[in-house]
C-alpha atoms as a PDB file:
ATOM      1  CA  MET A   1       0.000   0.000   0.000  1.00  0.00           C
ATOM      2  CA  GLY A   2       2.876   2.354   0.784  1.00  0.00           C
ATOM      3  CA  TRP A   3       4.275   2.186  -2.732  1.00  0.00           C
ATOM      4  CA  ILE A   4       0.841   3.008  -4.154  1.00  0.00           C
ATOM      5  CA  TYR A   5       0.654   6.056  -1.883  1.00  0.00           C
ATOM      6  CA  TYR A   6       4.104   7.082  -3.089  1.00  0.00           C
ATOM      7  CA  LYS A   7       3.082   6.768  -6.733  1.00  0.00           C
ATOM      8  CA  LYS A   8      -0.008   8.915  -5.993  1.00  0.00           C
ATOM      9  CA  GLY A   9       2.137  11.627  -4.374  1.00  0.00           C
ATOM     10  CA  LEU A  10       0.904  10.941  -0.837  1.00  0.00           C
ATOM     11  CA  PHE A  11       4.405  10.900   0.596  1.00  0.00           C
ATOM     12  CA  ALA A  12       3.681  11.096   4.343  1.00  0.00           C
ATOM     13  CA  ALA A  13       1.172   8.233   4.127  1.00  0.00           C
ATOM     14  CA  ALA A  14       3.630   6.318   1.938  1.00  0.00           C
ATOM     15  CA  ALA A  15       6.427   6.738   4.471  1.00  0.00           C
ATOM     16  CA  ASP A  16       4.175   5.552   7.319  1.00  0.00           C
ATOM     17  CA  GLN A  17       3.012   2.471   5.418  1.00  0.00           C
ATOM     18  CA  LEU A  18       6.482   1.643   4.157  1.00  0.00           C
ATOM     19  CA  GLN A  19       7.923   2.004   7.665  1.00  0.00           C
ATOM     20  CA  ASN A  20       5.338  -0.525   8.838  1.00  0.00           C
ATOM     21  CA  ALA A  21       6.273  -2.849   5.969  1.00  0.00           C
ATOM     22  CA  VAL A  22       9.973  -2.552   6.810  1.00  0.00           C
ATOM     23  CA  SER A  23       9.315  -3.307  10.487  1.00  0.00           C
ATOM     24  CA  LEU A  24       7.214  -6.367   9.680  1.00  0.00           C
ATOM     25  CA  ASP A  25       9.711  -7.605   7.099  1.00  0.00           C
ATOM     26  CA  GLU A  26      12.618  -7.223   9.527  1.00  0.00           C
ATOM     27  CA  ALA A  27      10.739  -9.195  12.202  1.00  0.00           C
ATOM     28  CA  VAL A  28      10.002 -12.004   9.754  1.00  0.00           C
ATOM     29  CA  ALA A  29      13.589 -11.935   8.483  1.00  0.00           C
ATOM     30  CA  ARG A  30      14.929 -12.330  12.031  1.00  0.00           C
ATOM     31  CA  LYS A  31      12.617 -15.264  12.722  1.00  0.00           C
ATOM     32  CA  SER A  32      13.400 -17.028   9.457  1.00  0.00           C
ATOM     33  CA  ASN A  33      17.113 -16.162   9.426  1.00  0.00           C
ATOM     34  CA  ARG A  34      17.010 -14.343   6.099  1.00  0.00           C
ATOM     35  CA  THR A  35      18.046 -10.923   4.800  1.00  0.00           C
ATOM     36  CA  PRO A  36      15.434  -8.157   5.041  1.00  0.00           C
ATOM     37  CA  SER A  37      14.118  -6.668   1.819  1.00  0.00           C
ATOM     38  CA  ALA A  38      16.429  -4.093   0.295  1.00  0.00           C
ATOM     39  CA  THR A  39      13.554  -2.957  -1.925  1.00  0.00           C
ATOM     40  CA  TYR A  40      11.385  -2.042   1.063  1.00  0.00           C
ATOM     41  CA  HIS A  41      14.196   0.072   2.517  1.00  0.00           C
ATOM     42  CA  TYR A  42      14.835   1.723  -0.832  1.00  0.00           C
ATOM     43  CA  HIS A  43      11.160   2.562  -1.315  1.00  0.00           C
ATOM     44  CA  LEU A  44      11.001   3.922   2.241  1.00  0.00           C
ATOM     45  CA  GLY A  45      14.036   6.067   1.471  1.00  0.00           C
ATOM     46  CA  LEU A  46      12.344   7.486  -1.616  1.00  0.00           C
ATOM     47  CA  ALA A  47       9.191   8.295   0.351  1.00  0.00           C
ATOM     48  CA  LEU A  48      11.177   9.943   3.137  1.00  0.00           C
ATOM     49  CA  ASN A  49      13.091  12.015   0.617  1.00  0.00           C
ATOM     50  CA  ALA A  50       9.892  13.076  -1.113  1.00  0.00           C
ATOM     51  CA  LYS A  51       8.398  14.243   2.174  1.00  0.00           C
ATOM     52  CA  GLY A  52      11.571  16.220   2.927  1.00  0.00           C
ATOM     53  CA  ASP A  53      13.433  14.022   5.417  1.00  0.00           C
ATOM     54  CA  LYS A  54      16.715  13.756   3.549  1.00  0.00           C
ATOM     55  CA  PRO A  55      18.859  12.405   6.443  1.00  0.00           C
ATOM     56  CA  ALA A  56      16.456   9.515   7.063  1.00  0.00           C
ATOM     57  CA  ALA A  57      16.139   8.933   3.322  1.00  0.00           C
ATOM     58  CA  LYS A  58      19.904   8.684   3.011  1.00  0.00           C
ATOM     59  CA  ARG A  59      20.092   6.182   5.898  1.00  0.00           C
ATOM     60  CA  GLU A  60      17.402   3.966   4.360  1.00  0.00           C
ATOM     61  CA  ILE A  61      18.920   3.998   0.873  1.00  0.00           C
ATOM     62  CA  GLU A  62      22.385   3.277   2.249  1.00  0.00           C
ATOM     63  CA  LEU A  63      20.906   0.378   4.213  1.00  0.00           C
ATOM     64  CA  ALA A  64      19.130  -0.878   1.088  1.00  0.00           C
ATOM     65  CA  LEU A  65      22.436  -0.926  -0.778  1.00  0.00           C
ATOM     66  CA  ARG A  66      24.172  -2.773   2.079  1.00  0.00           C
ATOM     67  CA  LEU A  67      21.372  -5.344   2.158  1.00  0.00           C
ATOM     68  CA  GLY A  68      21.633  -5.581  -1.624  1.00  0.00           C
ATOM     69  CA  GLU A  69      25.206  -6.785  -1.259  1.00  0.00           C
ATOM     70  CA  LYS A  70      23.827  -9.925   0.426  1.00  0.00           C
ATOM     71  CA  MET A  71      20.749 -10.283  -1.769  1.00  0.00           C
ATOM     72  CA  PRO A  72      20.844  -8.214  -4.981  1.00  0.00           C
ATOM     73  CA  PHE A  73      17.719  -6.249  -5.839  1.00  0.00           C
ATOM     74  CA  ALA A  74      16.477  -4.981  -9.177  1.00  0.00           C
ATOM     75  CA  GLU A  75      16.525  -1.302  -8.256  1.00  0.00           C
ATOM     76  CA  ALA A  76      20.097  -1.180  -6.930  1.00  0.00           C
ATOM     77  CA  ASP A  77      21.308   1.085  -9.745  1.00  0.00           C
ATOM     78  CA  ASP A  78      18.370   3.428  -9.169  1.00  0.00           C
ATOM     79  CA  ALA A  79      19.188   3.420  -5.452  1.00  0.00           C
ATOM     80  CA  ARG A  80      22.799   4.426  -6.159  1.00  0.00           C
ATOM     81  CA  ARG A  81      21.604   7.270  -8.386  1.00  0.00           C
ATOM     82  CA  SER A  82      19.105   8.407  -5.760  1.00  0.00           C
ATOM     83  CA  LEU A  83      21.752   8.325  -3.041  1.00  0.00           C
ATOM     84  CA  ALA A  84      24.053  10.482  -5.155  1.00  0.00           C
ATOM     85  CA  THR A  85      21.428  13.234  -5.194  1.00  0.00           C
ATOM     86  CA  LEU A  86      21.014  13.367  -1.397  1.00  0.00           C
END
C-alpha cells in the first residue's frame, strides 16, 4: 500500500506504510534467518526524501544498498543514483 501512496504523491502516508512494511519484514527476516528486503528500505528512502526528510532517506537507501550486497535487488542502480542526489 505504501508504494501506491508514493506513486499517488501521498508521501507522508507512503512513508508511514512503508515504515510498517519494513518493520514487519525485519521481524520475519529475524525469525526465518534471512536478509530483510532491500527494496522495502529503498522505497522507504524514496518516500522519506519526497516528504523532505533527507537524512532519514539517506540512511534507508544506504541500508538498502548494504542489504543488496547480500541479496541483490532490481533497483540497486536506481538506489545508487538516488543516493548520489542526497
